[in-house]
C-alpha cells in the first residue's frame, strides 16, 4: 500500500515537473519508479499466488515489459525519436492508470483493503489521470 502511494506521488511529481530543467533528476526518478513498479508487480504476483488469488499473469508480464522498455529508453534516449517516445509514454501512462484501477478492484474484492482505502486510492488514480490528460493536451 505504502509503495503504491509513494510510486503515485513520484509519478505525479514527474508529470508536474515536465520541464527542461533537472532532466537528469527526472530521468533518475522515472527509472527508479519503473524499477519499484517492477518489484511491486513481482511481489504482488507472488503474494497473490500464495494467497490463491487469481490474477492475470499475462497482464502483469506486459506491464513489467513496458516498465523495462521505459528503463531502456531512459538509458538510451537517442534510439527513439522524441515524438514517438512521448506518444508511447502517453499510452503507457493510460495503461498504467487502467492497471491501477484494476488492482484496486482486485484488492477490494479480495478483502485486502477496505472501502475507504479503495476510495482514497481511486482518488489518487483520478488525480493522476487528470494530470496525464493535461500533460497530453499541452504537448
N, C-alpha and C. Protein backbone atom coordinates (compact mmCIF):
# COMPACT_ATOMS: atom_id res chain seq x y z
N UNK A 1 0.83 -1.19 0.00
CA UNK A 1 0.00 0.00 0.00
C UNK A 1 0.88 1.25 0.00
N UNK A 2 1.85 1.27 0.91
CA UNK A 2 2.74 2.43 1.00
C UNK A 2 3.54 2.60 -0.28
N UNK A 3 4.00 1.49 -0.87
CA UNK A 3 4.77 1.54 -2.10
C UNK A 3 3.92 2.09 -3.23
N UNK A 4 2.67 1.65 -3.31
CA UNK A 4 1.76 2.11 -4.35
C UNK A 4 1.54 3.62 -4.24
N UNK A 5 1.31 4.10 -3.02
CA UNK A 5 1.08 5.53 -2.80
C UNK A 5 2.35 6.32 -3.11
N UNK A 6 3.49 5.82 -2.67
CA UNK A 6 4.74 6.52 -2.92
C UNK A 6 5.05 6.56 -4.41
N UNK A 7 4.78 5.46 -5.11
CA UNK A 7 5.00 5.43 -6.55
C UNK A 7 4.12 6.41 -7.29
N UNK A 8 2.87 6.54 -6.83
CA UNK A 8 1.96 7.50 -7.47
C UNK A 8 2.45 8.93 -7.25
N UNK A 9 2.95 9.24 -6.03
CA UNK A 9 3.43 10.59 -5.79
C UNK A 9 4.65 10.89 -6.64
N UNK A 10 5.53 9.91 -6.84
CA UNK A 10 6.68 10.11 -7.72
C UNK A 10 6.21 10.38 -9.15
N UNK A 11 5.22 9.63 -9.59
CA UNK A 11 4.71 9.82 -10.95
C UNK A 11 4.07 11.19 -11.10
N UNK A 12 3.31 11.59 -10.10
CA UNK A 12 2.67 12.91 -10.15
C UNK A 12 3.73 14.02 -10.17
N UNK A 13 4.75 13.86 -9.34
CA UNK A 13 5.85 14.84 -9.34
C UNK A 13 6.48 14.92 -10.72
N UNK A 14 6.73 13.78 -11.32
CA UNK A 14 7.38 13.75 -12.63
C UNK A 14 6.53 14.45 -13.67
N UNK A 15 5.22 14.18 -13.67
CA UNK A 15 4.34 14.80 -14.66
C UNK A 15 4.25 16.30 -14.46
N UNK A 16 4.22 16.75 -13.21
CA UNK A 16 4.09 18.17 -12.95
C UNK A 16 5.38 18.93 -13.25
N UNK A 17 6.51 18.28 -13.13
CA UNK A 17 7.78 18.96 -13.34
C UNK A 17 8.37 18.65 -14.70
N UNK A 18 7.53 18.42 -15.68
CA UNK A 18 7.98 18.05 -17.02
C UNK A 18 8.49 19.29 -17.76
N UNK A 19 9.61 19.82 -17.32
CA UNK A 19 10.25 20.98 -17.93
C UNK A 19 11.67 20.60 -18.29
N UNK A 20 12.40 21.52 -18.94
CA UNK A 20 13.74 21.21 -19.39
C UNK A 20 14.78 21.16 -18.27
N UNK A 21 14.51 21.86 -17.16
CA UNK A 21 15.48 21.83 -16.07
C UNK A 21 15.41 20.52 -15.31
N UNK A 22 16.48 20.17 -14.69
CA UNK A 22 16.57 18.96 -13.87
C UNK A 22 16.25 17.69 -14.66
N UNK A 23 16.72 17.61 -15.90
CA UNK A 23 16.44 16.45 -16.73
C UNK A 23 17.03 15.18 -16.12
N UNK A 24 18.24 15.26 -15.62
CA UNK A 24 18.87 14.08 -15.01
C UNK A 24 18.08 13.58 -13.81
N UNK A 25 17.62 14.53 -12.99
CA UNK A 25 16.85 14.16 -11.81
C UNK A 25 15.54 13.49 -12.21
N UNK A 26 14.85 14.02 -13.20
CA UNK A 26 13.60 13.43 -13.67
C UNK A 26 13.82 12.03 -14.23
N UNK A 27 14.89 11.87 -15.00
CA UNK A 27 15.19 10.55 -15.56
C UNK A 27 15.48 9.55 -14.45
N UNK A 28 16.20 9.98 -13.42
CA UNK A 28 16.50 9.10 -12.30
C UNK A 28 15.22 8.73 -11.58
N UNK A 29 14.35 9.70 -11.36
CA UNK A 29 13.07 9.42 -10.69
C UNK A 29 12.24 8.47 -11.53
N UNK A 30 12.18 8.71 -12.82
CA UNK A 30 11.41 7.85 -13.71
C UNK A 30 11.96 6.42 -13.70
N UNK A 31 13.28 6.31 -13.76
CA UNK A 31 13.92 4.98 -13.76
C UNK A 31 13.66 4.25 -12.44
N UNK A 32 13.82 4.95 -11.32
CA UNK A 32 13.61 4.32 -10.02
C UNK A 32 12.14 3.96 -9.81
N UNK A 33 11.25 4.79 -10.30
CA UNK A 33 9.82 4.49 -10.20
C UNK A 33 9.49 3.24 -11.00
N UNK A 34 10.06 3.13 -12.19
CA UNK A 34 9.83 1.95 -13.01
C UNK A 34 10.39 0.70 -12.32
N UNK A 35 11.57 0.81 -11.73
CA UNK A 35 12.15 -0.33 -11.00
C UNK A 35 11.26 -0.73 -9.83
N UNK A 36 10.78 0.27 -9.09
CA UNK A 36 9.91 -0.02 -7.95
C UNK A 36 8.61 -0.66 -8.41
N UNK A 37 8.10 -0.21 -9.54
CA UNK A 37 6.86 -0.80 -10.08
C UNK A 37 7.08 -2.26 -10.46
N UNK A 38 8.21 -2.57 -11.07
CA UNK A 38 8.52 -3.96 -11.43
C UNK A 38 8.60 -4.82 -10.18
N UNK A 39 9.29 -4.32 -9.15
CA UNK A 39 9.40 -5.07 -7.90
C UNK A 39 8.03 -5.27 -7.26
N UNK A 40 7.22 -4.21 -7.25
CA UNK A 40 5.89 -4.30 -6.63
C UNK A 40 5.00 -5.27 -7.39
N UNK A 41 5.06 -5.24 -8.71
CA UNK A 41 4.25 -6.16 -9.51
C UNK A 41 4.69 -7.60 -9.28
N UNK A 42 5.99 -7.83 -9.23
CA UNK A 42 6.51 -9.19 -8.99
C UNK A 42 6.08 -9.69 -7.61
N UNK A 43 6.21 -8.82 -6.63
CA UNK A 43 5.83 -9.20 -5.26
C UNK A 43 4.32 -9.45 -5.18
N UNK A 44 3.53 -8.60 -5.83
CA UNK A 44 2.08 -8.78 -5.81
C UNK A 44 1.70 -10.11 -6.46
N UNK A 45 2.36 -10.46 -7.56
CA UNK A 45 2.06 -11.73 -8.24
C UNK A 45 2.38 -12.91 -7.32
N UNK A 46 3.51 -12.83 -6.61
CA UNK A 46 3.89 -13.91 -5.70
C UNK A 46 2.91 -14.04 -4.54
N UNK A 47 2.56 -12.90 -3.94
CA UNK A 47 1.64 -12.91 -2.80
C UNK A 47 0.27 -13.41 -3.24
N UNK A 48 -0.18 -12.95 -4.39
CA UNK A 48 -1.49 -13.38 -4.90
C UNK A 48 -1.50 -14.88 -5.17
N UNK A 49 -0.40 -15.39 -5.69
CA UNK A 49 -0.30 -16.82 -5.96
C UNK A 49 -0.34 -17.61 -4.65
N UNK A 50 0.41 -17.13 -3.65
CA UNK A 50 0.43 -17.80 -2.35
C UNK A 50 -0.93 -17.75 -1.66
N UNK A 51 -1.65 -16.66 -1.86
CA UNK A 51 -2.97 -16.49 -1.22
C UNK A 51 -4.09 -17.15 -2.03
N UNK A 52 -3.77 -17.66 -3.19
CA UNK A 52 -4.78 -18.30 -4.03
C UNK A 52 -5.65 -17.32 -4.78
N UNK A 53 -5.22 -16.06 -4.88
CA UNK A 53 -5.97 -15.04 -5.61
C UNK A 53 -5.60 -15.16 -7.09
N UNK A 54 -6.62 -15.15 -7.93
CA UNK A 54 -6.38 -15.28 -9.36
C UNK A 54 -6.06 -13.91 -9.96
N UNK A 55 -4.91 -13.80 -10.57
CA UNK A 55 -4.50 -12.56 -11.25
C UNK A 55 -4.09 -12.90 -12.67
N UNK A 56 -4.17 -11.92 -13.52
CA UNK A 56 -3.77 -12.11 -14.92
C UNK A 56 -2.26 -12.01 -15.01
N UNK A 57 -1.60 -13.14 -15.10
CA UNK A 57 -0.14 -13.15 -15.19
C UNK A 57 0.32 -12.51 -16.49
N UNK A 58 -0.49 -12.63 -17.52
CA UNK A 58 -0.12 -12.02 -18.80
C UNK A 58 -0.14 -10.49 -18.68
N UNK A 59 -1.14 -9.95 -18.00
CA UNK A 59 -1.20 -8.50 -17.81
C UNK A 59 -0.01 -8.01 -16.99
N UNK A 60 0.34 -8.76 -15.95
CA UNK A 60 1.49 -8.39 -15.13
C UNK A 60 2.77 -8.45 -15.97
N UNK A 61 2.89 -9.49 -16.79
CA UNK A 61 4.06 -9.63 -17.66
C UNK A 61 4.17 -8.44 -18.61
N UNK A 62 3.05 -8.05 -19.23
CA UNK A 62 3.07 -6.93 -20.17
C UNK A 62 3.45 -5.61 -19.47
N UNK A 63 2.95 -5.43 -18.26
CA UNK A 63 3.32 -4.23 -17.50
C UNK A 63 4.82 -4.22 -17.19
N UNK A 64 5.33 -5.36 -16.76
CA UNK A 64 6.76 -5.44 -16.45
C UNK A 64 7.60 -5.17 -17.69
N UNK A 65 7.21 -5.75 -18.81
CA UNK A 65 7.93 -5.50 -20.07
C UNK A 65 7.87 -4.01 -20.42
N UNK A 66 6.70 -3.40 -20.24
CA UNK A 66 6.56 -1.96 -20.51
C UNK A 66 7.48 -1.13 -19.64
N UNK A 67 7.56 -1.49 -18.35
CA UNK A 67 8.46 -0.75 -17.46
C UNK A 67 9.92 -0.99 -17.82
N UNK A 68 10.28 -2.20 -18.22
CA UNK A 68 11.66 -2.46 -18.64
C UNK A 68 12.00 -1.67 -19.89
N UNK A 69 11.06 -1.59 -20.83
CA UNK A 69 11.28 -0.79 -22.03
C UNK A 69 11.47 0.68 -21.67
N UNK A 70 10.71 1.13 -20.70
CA UNK A 70 10.82 2.52 -20.25
C UNK A 70 12.22 2.77 -19.71
N UNK A 71 12.73 1.84 -18.92
CA UNK A 71 14.08 1.98 -18.37
C UNK A 71 15.11 2.02 -19.49
N UNK A 72 14.95 1.16 -20.48
CA UNK A 72 15.89 1.14 -21.62
C UNK A 72 15.84 2.45 -22.40
N UNK A 73 14.65 3.00 -22.60
CA UNK A 73 14.53 4.27 -23.33
C UNK A 73 15.18 5.40 -22.55
N UNK A 74 15.15 5.32 -21.23
CA UNK A 74 15.81 6.35 -20.43
C UNK A 74 17.32 6.21 -20.56
N UNK A 75 17.81 4.97 -20.56
CA UNK A 75 19.25 4.74 -20.68
C UNK A 75 19.77 5.14 -22.05
N UNK A 76 18.98 4.90 -23.10
CA UNK A 76 19.40 5.15 -24.48
C UNK A 76 18.36 6.03 -25.19
N UNK A 77 18.32 7.31 -24.85
CA UNK A 77 17.26 8.18 -25.39
C UNK A 77 17.39 8.44 -26.89
N UNK A 78 18.55 8.26 -27.48
CA UNK A 78 18.73 8.55 -28.90
C UNK A 78 18.17 7.46 -29.80
N UNK A 79 17.83 6.31 -29.24
CA UNK A 79 17.38 5.19 -30.06
C UNK A 79 15.97 5.40 -30.62
N UNK A 80 15.17 6.26 -30.02
CA UNK A 80 13.81 6.55 -30.50
C UNK A 80 13.67 8.05 -30.69
N UNK A 81 12.82 8.44 -31.60
CA UNK A 81 12.58 9.87 -31.77
C UNK A 81 11.77 10.38 -30.58
N UNK A 82 11.90 11.65 -30.31
CA UNK A 82 11.23 12.24 -29.15
C UNK A 82 9.71 12.17 -29.28
N UNK A 83 9.19 12.36 -30.48
CA UNK A 83 7.74 12.32 -30.67
C UNK A 83 7.20 10.92 -30.42
N UNK A 84 7.88 9.92 -30.95
CA UNK A 84 7.44 8.54 -30.74
C UNK A 84 7.51 8.18 -29.27
N UNK A 85 8.57 8.62 -28.61
CA UNK A 85 8.72 8.34 -27.19
C UNK A 85 7.57 8.96 -26.40
N UNK A 86 7.26 10.21 -26.68
CA UNK A 86 6.18 10.89 -25.96
C UNK A 86 4.84 10.20 -26.21
N UNK A 87 4.61 9.76 -27.45
CA UNK A 87 3.37 9.06 -27.77
C UNK A 87 3.28 7.74 -27.00
N UNK A 88 4.36 6.99 -27.00
CA UNK A 88 4.38 5.72 -26.28
C UNK A 88 4.27 5.94 -24.77
N UNK A 89 4.87 7.00 -24.28
CA UNK A 89 4.79 7.32 -22.86
C UNK A 89 3.35 7.64 -22.46
N UNK A 90 2.66 8.37 -23.31
CA UNK A 90 1.25 8.67 -23.04
C UNK A 90 0.40 7.41 -23.00
N UNK A 91 0.64 6.51 -23.94
CA UNK A 91 -0.10 5.24 -23.98
C UNK A 91 0.21 4.43 -22.73
N UNK A 92 1.48 4.39 -22.35
CA UNK A 92 1.89 3.65 -21.15
C UNK A 92 1.24 4.23 -19.89
N UNK A 93 1.18 5.54 -19.82
CA UNK A 93 0.55 6.18 -18.66
C UNK A 93 -0.92 5.77 -18.55
N UNK A 94 -1.61 5.76 -19.67
CA UNK A 94 -3.02 5.39 -19.67
C UNK A 94 -3.19 3.92 -19.28
N UNK A 95 -2.32 3.06 -19.80
CA UNK A 95 -2.38 1.64 -19.42
C UNK A 95 -2.08 1.46 -17.94
N UNK A 96 -1.13 2.23 -17.43
CA UNK A 96 -0.79 2.14 -16.01
C UNK A 96 -1.97 2.56 -15.13
N UNK A 97 -2.67 3.60 -15.55
CA UNK A 97 -3.85 4.03 -14.80
C UNK A 97 -4.91 2.94 -14.80
N UNK A 98 -5.11 2.33 -15.94
CA UNK A 98 -6.09 1.24 -16.04
C UNK A 98 -5.69 0.08 -15.14
N UNK A 99 -4.42 -0.26 -15.14
CA UNK A 99 -3.94 -1.35 -14.30
C UNK A 99 -4.08 -1.01 -12.82
N UNK A 100 -3.84 0.25 -12.47
CA UNK A 100 -4.01 0.65 -11.08
C UNK A 100 -5.47 0.52 -10.67
N UNK A 101 -6.37 0.92 -11.55
CA UNK A 101 -7.80 0.77 -11.24
C UNK A 101 -8.16 -0.70 -11.05
N UNK A 102 -7.68 -1.54 -11.97
CA UNK A 102 -7.96 -2.97 -11.85
C UNK A 102 -7.38 -3.54 -10.56
N UNK A 103 -6.20 -3.10 -10.19
CA UNK A 103 -5.58 -3.56 -8.95
C UNK A 103 -6.39 -3.17 -7.72
N UNK A 104 -6.92 -1.96 -7.73
CA UNK A 104 -7.75 -1.51 -6.62
C UNK A 104 -8.99 -2.39 -6.50
N UNK A 105 -9.61 -2.67 -7.63
CA UNK A 105 -10.82 -3.51 -7.63
C UNK A 105 -10.48 -4.90 -7.11
N UNK A 106 -9.37 -5.48 -7.57
CA UNK A 106 -8.98 -6.82 -7.11
C UNK A 106 -8.70 -6.82 -5.61
N UNK A 107 -8.01 -5.80 -5.13
CA UNK A 107 -7.72 -5.72 -3.70
C UNK A 107 -9.01 -5.58 -2.89
N UNK A 108 -9.94 -4.78 -3.39
CA UNK A 108 -11.21 -4.59 -2.69
C UNK A 108 -12.04 -5.87 -2.69
N UNK A 109 -12.12 -6.51 -3.85
CA UNK A 109 -12.90 -7.75 -3.95
C UNK A 109 -12.28 -8.88 -3.15
N UNK A 110 -10.96 -8.86 -3.03
CA UNK A 110 -10.26 -9.87 -2.24
C UNK A 110 -10.24 -9.56 -0.76
N UNK A 111 -10.91 -8.50 -0.36
CA UNK A 111 -11.00 -8.07 1.03
C UNK A 111 -9.61 -7.79 1.62
N UNK A 112 -8.69 -7.31 0.78
CA UNK A 112 -7.35 -6.97 1.27
C UNK A 112 -7.28 -5.51 1.68
N UNK A 113 -8.22 -4.70 1.18
CA UNK A 113 -8.32 -3.31 1.60
C UNK A 113 -9.80 -3.00 1.85
N UNK A 114 -10.03 -1.96 2.62
CA UNK A 114 -11.41 -1.55 2.91
C UNK A 114 -11.91 -0.54 1.88
N UNK A 115 -13.19 -0.22 1.99
CA UNK A 115 -13.81 0.72 1.05
C UNK A 115 -13.17 2.11 1.12
N UNK A 116 -12.89 2.57 2.33
CA UNK A 116 -12.32 3.92 2.46
C UNK A 116 -10.94 3.99 1.82
N UNK A 117 -10.14 2.95 2.01
CA UNK A 117 -8.81 2.91 1.39
C UNK A 117 -8.95 2.85 -0.12
N UNK A 118 -9.89 2.06 -0.61
CA UNK A 118 -10.12 1.96 -2.05
C UNK A 118 -10.55 3.30 -2.62
N UNK A 119 -11.38 4.02 -1.90
CA UNK A 119 -11.82 5.33 -2.37
C UNK A 119 -10.66 6.32 -2.42
N UNK A 120 -9.79 6.27 -1.43
CA UNK A 120 -8.62 7.16 -1.42
C UNK A 120 -7.69 6.83 -2.59
N UNK A 121 -7.45 5.53 -2.80
CA UNK A 121 -6.60 5.14 -3.91
C UNK A 121 -7.22 5.54 -5.25
N UNK A 122 -8.53 5.37 -5.36
CA UNK A 122 -9.22 5.74 -6.60
C UNK A 122 -9.11 7.26 -6.82
N UNK A 123 -9.15 8.02 -5.76
CA UNK A 123 -8.99 9.48 -5.89
C UNK A 123 -7.60 9.81 -6.42
N UNK A 124 -6.56 9.12 -5.91
CA UNK A 124 -5.20 9.33 -6.42
C UNK A 124 -5.12 8.98 -7.91
N UNK A 125 -5.75 7.88 -8.30
CA UNK A 125 -5.73 7.47 -9.71
C UNK A 125 -6.46 8.51 -10.56
N UNK A 126 -7.59 8.99 -10.08
CA UNK A 126 -8.33 10.01 -10.82
C UNK A 126 -7.50 11.29 -10.98
N UNK A 127 -6.81 11.68 -9.91
CA UNK A 127 -5.95 12.86 -9.98
C UNK A 127 -4.83 12.63 -10.99
N UNK A 128 -4.23 11.46 -10.94
CA UNK A 128 -3.17 11.13 -11.89
C UNK A 128 -3.68 11.17 -13.32
N UNK A 129 -4.89 10.70 -13.52
CA UNK A 129 -5.47 10.71 -14.87
C UNK A 129 -5.66 12.15 -15.36
N UNK A 130 -6.10 13.03 -14.48
CA UNK A 130 -6.24 14.44 -14.86
C UNK A 130 -4.90 15.03 -15.25
N UNK A 131 -3.85 14.70 -14.50
CA UNK A 131 -2.52 15.20 -14.81
C UNK A 131 -2.07 14.67 -16.16
N UNK A 132 -2.33 13.40 -16.44
CA UNK A 132 -1.95 12.80 -17.72
C UNK A 132 -2.68 13.51 -18.86
N UNK A 133 -3.97 13.72 -18.69
CA UNK A 133 -4.73 14.37 -19.74
C UNK A 133 -4.28 15.80 -19.98
N UNK A 134 -3.96 16.54 -18.91
CA UNK A 134 -3.46 17.89 -19.07
C UNK A 134 -2.09 17.90 -19.75
N UNK A 135 -1.24 16.96 -19.37
CA UNK A 135 0.08 16.86 -19.98
C UNK A 135 -0.04 16.53 -21.46
N UNK A 136 -0.93 15.61 -21.81
CA UNK A 136 -1.12 15.20 -23.20
C UNK A 136 -1.65 16.37 -24.03
N UNK A 137 -2.58 17.14 -23.49
CA UNK A 137 -3.14 18.28 -24.22
C UNK A 137 -2.10 19.36 -24.46
N UNK A 138 -1.20 19.58 -23.51
CA UNK A 138 -0.18 20.61 -23.66
C UNK A 138 0.87 20.25 -24.70
N UNK A 139 1.12 18.98 -24.89
CA UNK A 139 2.13 18.54 -25.85
C UNK A 139 1.54 18.62 -27.21
